[in-house]
Amino acid sequence: MIKAVVFDLDGTLVPFTLDVNKCRTQIIQSLIEQNFPSSLFSTKETAFDMLLKIKKYLKTKGSEEQNFITI
């Protein structure tokens, strides 16, 4: 049985070596390749925020929920 879970996202316990900006850039590139306008995204926002924008964008285009789920 799990009694506790520790999240160390600021590098207190172990070094945080993930290049967040590079990850965001790769996410944006992937979305652009799926024909989303680059103007929707910024490397200053989280991947979750990007997903919210995609969902809103698809809704305005009358796209089905399944398209969002696929992305």
C-alpha atoms as a PDB file:
ATOM      1  CA  MET A   1       0.000   0.000   0.000  1.00  0.00           C
ATOM      2  CA  ILE A   2       1.315   3.449  -0.939  1.00  0.00           C
ATOM      3  CA  LYS A   3       1.366   5.722   2.115  1.00  0.00           C
ATOM      4  CA  ALA A   4       2.902   8.822   0.573  1.00  0.00           C
ATOM      5  CA  VAL A   5       3.952  10.328  -2.736  1.00  0.00           C
ATOM      6  CA  VAL A   6       6.580  13.031  -2.957  1.00  0.00           C
ATOM      7  CA  PHE A   7       6.697  15.466  -5.863  1.00  0.00           C
ATOM      8  CA  ASP A   8       9.972  17.344  -6.178  1.00  0.00           C
ATOM      9  CA  LEU A   9       9.378  19.785  -9.005  1.00  0.00           C
ATOM     10  CA  ASP A  10      11.748  22.491  -7.843  1.00  0.00           C
ATOM     11  CA  GLY A  11      14.930  20.424  -7.526  1.00  0.00           C
ATOM     12  CA  THR A  12      15.071  20.336  -3.727  1.00  0.00           C
ATOM     13  CA  LEU A  13      15.638  16.585  -3.449  1.00  0.00           C
ATOM     14  CA  VAL A  14      17.033  15.712  -6.876  1.00  0.00           C
ATOM     15  CA  PRO A  15      18.347  17.846  -9.734  1.00  0.00           C
ATOM     16  CA  PHE A  16      15.675  18.919 -12.208  1.00  0.00           C
ATOM     17  CA  THR A  17      17.288  18.512 -15.637  1.00  0.00           C
ATOM     18  CA  LEU A  18      14.271  18.571 -17.928  1.00  0.00           C
ATOM     19  CA  ASP A  19      14.509  21.348 -20.506  1.00  0.00           C
ATOM     20  CA  VAL A  20      10.952  22.660 -20.170  1.00  0.00           C
ATOM     21  CA  ASN A  21      11.285  25.220 -22.962  1.00  0.00           C
ATOM     22  CA  LYS A  22      12.544  22.563 -25.375  1.00  0.00           C
ATOM     23  CA  CYS A  23       9.597  20.322 -24.455  1.00  0.00           C
ATOM     24  CA  ARG A  24       7.134  23.149 -25.024  1.00  0.00           C
ATOM     25  CA  THR A  25       8.766  23.969 -28.359  1.00  0.00           C
ATOM     26  CA  GLN A  26       8.448  20.336 -29.440  1.00  0.00           C
ATOM     27  CA  ILE A  27       4.793  20.252 -28.375  1.00  0.00           C
ATOM     28  CA  ILE A  28       4.075  23.403 -30.365  1.00  0.00           C
ATOM     29  CA  GLN A  29       5.882  22.010 -33.410  1.00  0.00           C
ATOM     30  CA  SER A  30       3.823  18.832 -33.220  1.00  0.00           C
ATOM     31  CA  LEU A  31       0.595  20.831 -33.012  1.00  0.00           C
ATOM     32  CA  ILE A  32       1.599  23.004 -35.973  1.00  0.00           C
ATOM     33  CA  GLU A  33       2.279  19.818 -37.956  1.00  0.00           C
ATOM     34  CA  GLN A  34      -1.315  18.828 -37.150  1.00  0.00           C
ATOM     35  CA  ASN A  35      -2.460  22.064 -38.845  1.00  0.00           C
ATOM     36  CA  PHE A  36      -3.096  24.190 -35.774  1.00  0.00           C
ATOM     37  CA  PRO A  37      -2.137  27.856 -36.229  1.00  0.00           C
ATOM     38  CA  SER A  38       1.175  28.704 -34.582  1.00  0.00           C
ATOM     39  CA  SER A  39      -0.353  31.940 -33.303  1.00  0.00           C
ATOM     40  CA  LEU A  40      -2.379  29.913 -30.772  1.00  0.00           C
ATOM     41  CA  PHE A  41       0.657  28.869 -28.753  1.00  0.00           C
ATOM     42  CA  SER A  42       3.498  30.301 -26.734  1.00  0.00           C
ATOM     43  CA  THR A  43       6.457  28.659 -25.007  1.00  0.00           C
ATOM     44  CA  LYS A  44       5.499  30.701 -21.947  1.00  0.00           C
ATOM     45  CA  GLU A  45       2.359  28.651 -21.334  1.00  0.00           C
ATOM     46  CA  THR A  46       1.978  25.135 -19.980  1.00  0.00           C
ATOM     47  CA  ALA A  47       1.084  22.116 -22.082  1.00  0.00           C
ATOM     48  CA  PHE A  48      -2.226  22.021 -20.208  1.00  0.00           C
ATOM     49  CA  ASP A  49      -2.985  25.598 -21.290  1.00  0.00           C
ATOM     50  CA  MET A  50      -2.155  24.634 -24.866  1.00  0.00           C
ATOM     51  CA  LEU A  51      -4.617  21.748 -24.656  1.00  0.00           C
ATOM     52  CA  LEU A  52      -7.334  24.088 -23.417  1.00  0.00           C
ATOM     53  CA  LYS A  53      -6.702  26.351 -26.409  1.00  0.00           C
ATOM     54  CA  ILE A  54      -6.868  23.369 -28.773  1.00  0.00           C
ATOM     55  CA  LYS A  55     -10.176  22.257 -27.279  1.00  0.00           C
ATOM     56  CA  LYS A  56     -11.628  25.757 -27.664  1.00  0.00           C
ATOM     57  CA  TYR A  57     -10.250  26.065 -31.217  1.00  0.00           C
ATOM     58  CA  LEU A  58     -11.727  22.725 -32.262  1.00  0.00           C
ATOM     59  CA  LYS A  59     -15.082  23.658 -30.744  1.00  0.00           C
ATOM     60  CA  THR A  60     -15.208  26.882 -32.772  1.00  0.00           C
ATOM     61  CA  LYS A  61     -14.486  24.816 -35.908  1.00  0.00           C
ATOM     62  CA  GLY A  62     -17.334  22.411 -35.121  1.00  0.00           C
ATOM     63  CA  SER A  63     -14.940  19.516 -34.688  1.00  0.00           C
ATOM     64  CA  GLU A  64     -15.946  16.342 -32.893  1.00  0.00           C
ATOM     65  CA  GLU A  65     -14.804  15.566 -29.333  1.00  0.00           C
ATOM     66  CA  GLN A  66     -13.001  12.497 -30.689  1.00  0.00           C
ATOM     67  CA  ASN A  67     -10.570  14.760 -32.572  1.00  0.00           C
ATOM     68  CA  PHE A  68      -9.555  16.401 -29.294  1.00  0.00           C
ATOM     69  CA  ILE A  69      -9.193  13.041 -27.574  1.00  0.00           C
ATOM     70  CA  THR A  70      -6.941  11.837 -30.391  1.00  0.00           C
ATOM     71  CA  ILE A  71      -4.640  14.820 -29.999  1.00  0.00           C
END
